[in-house]
Protein backbone atom coordinates (compact mmCIF):
# COMPACT_ATOMS: atom_id res chain seq x y z
CA MET A 1 0.01 -0.02 -0.09
CA GLU A 2 1.32 3.46 -1.07
CA ARG A 3 1.89 6.30 1.20
CA GLU A 4 -1.12 8.20 -0.29
CA ASP A 5 -3.54 5.21 -0.06
CA ILE A 6 -2.59 4.72 3.53
CA PHE A 7 -3.33 8.59 4.06
CA GLU A 8 -6.52 8.39 2.22
CA SER A 9 -7.63 5.29 4.26
CA LEU A 10 -6.78 7.19 7.45
CA LYS A 11 -8.48 10.51 6.38
CA ASP A 12 -11.61 8.72 5.47
CA LEU A 13 -11.65 6.93 8.97
CA VAL A 14 -10.86 10.01 11.04
CA ALA A 15 -13.92 12.02 9.14
CA GLU A 16 -16.02 9.24 9.79
CA ARG A 17 -15.28 8.61 13.25
CA PHE A 18 -15.07 12.11 14.44
CA ASP A 19 -17.65 13.80 12.00
CA LEU A 20 -15.19 15.89 10.20
CA ASP A 21 -15.07 16.90 6.75
CA GLY A 22 -12.25 14.77 5.11
CA ASN A 23 -11.27 17.73 2.80
CA ASP A 24 -9.96 19.67 5.90
CA LEU A 25 -7.58 16.79 6.93
CA THR A 26 -3.89 17.03 5.74
CA LEU A 27 -0.79 15.10 6.70
CA THR A 28 -0.13 17.94 9.02
CA THR A 29 -3.36 17.66 11.18
CA THR A 30 -2.52 17.07 14.84
CA GLN A 31 -4.29 15.03 17.32
CA SER A 32 -5.14 18.31 19.08
CA ASP A 33 -6.56 19.69 15.83
CA LEU A 34 -8.85 17.08 15.71
CA GLY A 35 -9.81 17.85 19.39
CA ILE A 36 -9.22 14.30 20.59
CA ASP A 37 -7.43 13.11 24.09
CA SER A 38 -5.03 10.19 24.45
CA ILE A 39 -7.91 7.69 25.04
CA LEU A 40 -9.49 8.69 21.86
CA MET A 41 -6.23 8.33 19.94
CA VAL A 42 -5.70 4.84 21.06
CA ASP A 43 -9.06 4.00 19.87
CA LEU A 44 -8.26 5.54 16.64
CA MET A 45 -5.42 3.52 16.32
CA MET A 46 -7.00 0.33 16.90
CA ASP A 47 -9.52 1.37 14.28
CA VAL A 48 -6.60 1.95 11.83
CA GLU A 49 -5.21 -1.45 12.64
CA GLU A 50 -8.54 -3.00 11.98
CA ARG A 51 -9.33 -0.99 8.72
CA LEU A 52 -5.46 -1.29 7.24
CA GLY A 53 -4.71 -4.60 8.34
CA VAL A 54 -1.83 -3.59 10.04
CA THR A 55 -0.46 -4.71 13.59
CA PHE A 56 1.67 -2.02 15.55
CA LYS A 57 4.32 -3.61 17.37
CA ASP A 58 4.10 -0.51 19.85
CA LEU A 59 2.37 2.76 19.83
CA ASN A 60 5.20 5.08 20.38
CA LEU A 61 3.97 8.26 18.79
CA VAL A 62 5.22 11.62 19.48
CA LYS A 63 3.13 14.03 21.66
CA ASN A 64 0.32 15.50 19.84
CA PRO A 65 1.00 13.50 16.51
CA THR A 66 0.21 14.57 13.06
CA LEU A 67 -1.87 12.52 10.57
CA GLY A 68 1.60 12.00 8.83
CA ASP A 69 3.18 10.66 11.92
CA ILE A 70 0.23 7.97 11.98
CA VAL A 71 0.91 7.27 8.13
CA SER A 72 4.65 6.70 8.86
CA LEU A 73 3.90 4.43 11.80
CA VAL A 74 1.44 2.32 9.59
CA GLU A 75 4.15 2.17 6.96
CA ALA A 76 6.78 0.99 9.43
CA ASN A 77 4.47 -1.59 10.69
CA MET A 78 3.15 -2.89 7.43
CA GLY A 79 3.39 -6.76 7.35
CA ALA A 80 3.88 -6.99 11.10
CA LYS A 81 2.44 -10.28 12.39
CA SER A 82 0.40 -9.88 15.90
C-alpha cells in the first residue's frame, strides 16, 4: 500500500469517526487539531489496525502526533504479525 493510499484511508476513517470534513484533513493535522484526547487516540489506532490490516508492534507516537506521523507508523508496521 502506497503512502497516499494509507493517508486517504486514514483521512476517511478520521472524518467518519469524528464527524469531520475529510477535505480539511492534511498530513500536518495534529491530534489537538482533531480535538481528541489520548484515550480517543488509542481507540483510533485500534480502528486503523482493523481497517488497514496492520498490527502495531508498539504505539510509540510523539506527543500530539500528526496524521503524517500515523501514516509513517503504519508504513513502518506494514506486514507485522500480531
